[in-house]
Amino acid sequence: MLPSLSSYLMRLCEHFFKLCYWEADRDRRFRGWDLEISNFRVRINLILRNSPSLKRYLEENFLADYASARRIFLKASHFRKETIPEQPWFTLEQVLDPDWLPWQPDSDNLDN
């Protein structure tokens, strides 16, 4: 379960980077990225529901998983490393909040 938690947390952070920084694809891919974000959150919450004590594991590994996600995103995007902050600009609580996203499309773009 621990590797799964880290993997889901890393993928969430990676998708937050996509939403905030991958502007060329953002409007076209928002729905898919949003769905994947929801899926990762559901999976994390299922694990935590079965083992609430693992929340502490997430808290202890949040920075390391963020850093791993940052490395993966930078490699995939070829962005300069200065583009993405080394420290998270969002909290673990925001990561797990089903209603929070670091970027929202204009309501005009939701129908596309």
Protein backbone atom coordinates (compact mmCIF):
# COMPACT_ATOMS: atom_id res chain seq x y z
CA MET A 1 0.00 0.00 0.00
CA LEU A 2 2.82 2.42 0.76
CA PRO A 3 4.21 2.44 -2.79
CA SER A 4 0.67 2.95 -4.11
CA LEU A 5 0.12 5.94 -1.84
CA SER A 6 3.36 7.55 -2.98
CA SER A 7 2.56 6.81 -6.60
CA TYR A 8 -0.91 8.35 -6.39
CA LEU A 9 0.43 11.40 -4.55
CA MET A 10 3.20 11.86 -7.13
CA ARG A 11 0.71 11.55 -9.99
CA LEU A 12 -1.56 14.13 -8.34
CA CYS A 13 1.31 16.59 -8.07
CA GLU A 14 2.34 15.87 -11.65
CA HIS A 15 -1.18 16.63 -12.85
CA PHE A 16 -1.22 19.86 -10.84
CA PHE A 17 1.96 20.87 -12.70
CA LYS A 18 0.24 20.07 -15.99
CA LEU A 19 -2.74 22.23 -15.06
CA CYS A 20 -0.60 25.15 -13.98
CA TYR A 21 2.26 25.10 -16.46
CA TRP A 22 1.43 23.08 -19.60
CA GLU A 23 -0.56 25.90 -21.16
CA ALA A 24 -0.36 24.62 -24.76
CA ASP A 25 -2.42 21.51 -23.92
CA ARG A 26 -4.33 22.69 -20.87
CA ASP A 27 -7.67 23.71 -22.37
CA ARG A 28 -7.85 20.68 -24.63
CA ARG A 29 -6.81 18.18 -21.96
CA PHE A 30 -8.40 19.68 -18.86
CA ARG A 31 -11.29 17.20 -18.66
CA GLY A 32 -8.99 14.19 -18.86
CA TRP A 33 -6.52 15.59 -16.36
CA ASP A 34 -9.36 16.54 -14.01
CA LEU A 35 -10.77 13.01 -14.24
CA GLU A 36 -7.35 11.48 -13.49
CA ILE A 37 -6.92 13.83 -10.51
CA SER A 38 -10.30 12.68 -9.18
CA ASN A 39 -9.34 9.05 -9.70
CA PHE A 40 -6.04 9.41 -7.81
CA ARG A 41 -7.85 11.16 -4.94
CA VAL A 42 -10.48 8.41 -4.75
CA ARG A 43 -7.77 5.74 -4.65
CA ILE A 44 -5.85 7.54 -1.91
CA ASN A 45 -9.03 8.00 0.13
CA LEU A 46 -9.93 4.31 -0.24
CA ILE A 47 -6.53 3.33 1.12
CA LEU A 48 -6.84 5.85 3.98
CA ARG A 49 -10.36 4.67 4.80
CA ASN A 50 -9.02 1.12 5.21
CA SER A 51 -5.86 2.26 7.03
CA PRO A 52 -6.31 5.73 8.55
CA SER A 53 -2.87 5.56 10.15
CA LEU A 54 -1.33 5.85 6.67
CA LYS A 55 -2.26 9.55 6.61
CA ARG A 56 0.87 10.08 8.67
CA TYR A 57 2.89 8.33 5.94
CA LEU A 58 1.50 10.81 3.39
CA GLU A 59 2.36 13.74 5.64
CA GLU A 60 5.91 12.48 6.16
CA ASN A 61 6.50 11.79 2.46
CA PHE A 62 4.67 14.71 0.87
CA LEU A 63 7.81 16.74 0.14
CA ALA A 64 9.71 13.76 -1.27
CA ASP A 65 6.78 12.74 -3.48
CA TYR A 66 6.39 16.34 -4.65
CA ALA A 67 10.09 16.43 -5.57
CA SER A 68 9.78 13.16 -7.50
CA ALA A 69 6.74 14.45 -9.37
CA ARG A 70 8.61 17.65 -10.18
CA ARG A 71 11.54 15.69 -11.65
CA ILE A 72 9.18 13.55 -13.75
CA PHE A 73 7.25 16.57 -15.01
CA LEU A 74 10.40 18.50 -15.87
CA LYS A 75 11.76 15.53 -17.82
CA ALA A 76 8.48 15.06 -19.71
CA SER A 77 7.88 18.74 -20.42
CA HIS A 78 11.47 19.87 -21.06
CA PHE A 79 10.68 23.00 -19.03
CA ARG A 80 13.52 24.72 -17.26
CA LYS A 81 13.76 23.59 -13.65
CA GLU A 82 13.36 27.19 -12.46
CA THR A 83 9.80 27.10 -13.85
CA ILE A 84 8.49 24.76 -11.15
CA PRO A 85 9.01 25.71 -7.48
CA GLU A 86 11.21 23.32 -5.53
CA GLN A 87 8.77 23.51 -2.61
CA PRO A 88 5.04 22.88 -2.98
CA TRP A 89 2.82 25.93 -3.26
CA PHE A 90 -0.13 23.78 -2.18
CA THR A 91 -0.75 21.78 0.98
CA LEU A 92 -1.44 18.10 1.43
CA GLU A 93 -4.95 19.04 2.56
CA GLN A 94 -5.50 20.81 -0.77
CA VAL A 95 -4.10 17.82 -2.65
CA LEU A 96 -6.67 15.56 -1.00
CA ASP A 97 -9.56 18.04 -1.22
CA PRO A 98 -11.92 16.81 -3.98
CA ASP A 99 -13.06 20.38 -4.68
CA TRP A 100 -9.63 22.01 -5.00
CA LEU A 101 -7.61 22.47 -8.19
CA PRO A 102 -4.60 24.74 -8.66
CA TRP A 103 -6.08 26.04 -11.93
CA GLN A 104 -9.64 26.30 -13.26
CA PRO A 105 -10.64 26.88 -16.88
CA ASP A 106 -12.81 29.82 -17.86
CA SER A 107 -16.44 28.74 -17.84
CA ASP A 108 -16.47 29.47 -21.60
CA ASN A 109 -13.94 26.66 -22.14
CA LEU A 110 -15.85 23.97 -20.21
CA ASP A 111 -18.11 23.16 -23.16
CA ASN A 112 -15.22 22.46 -25.55
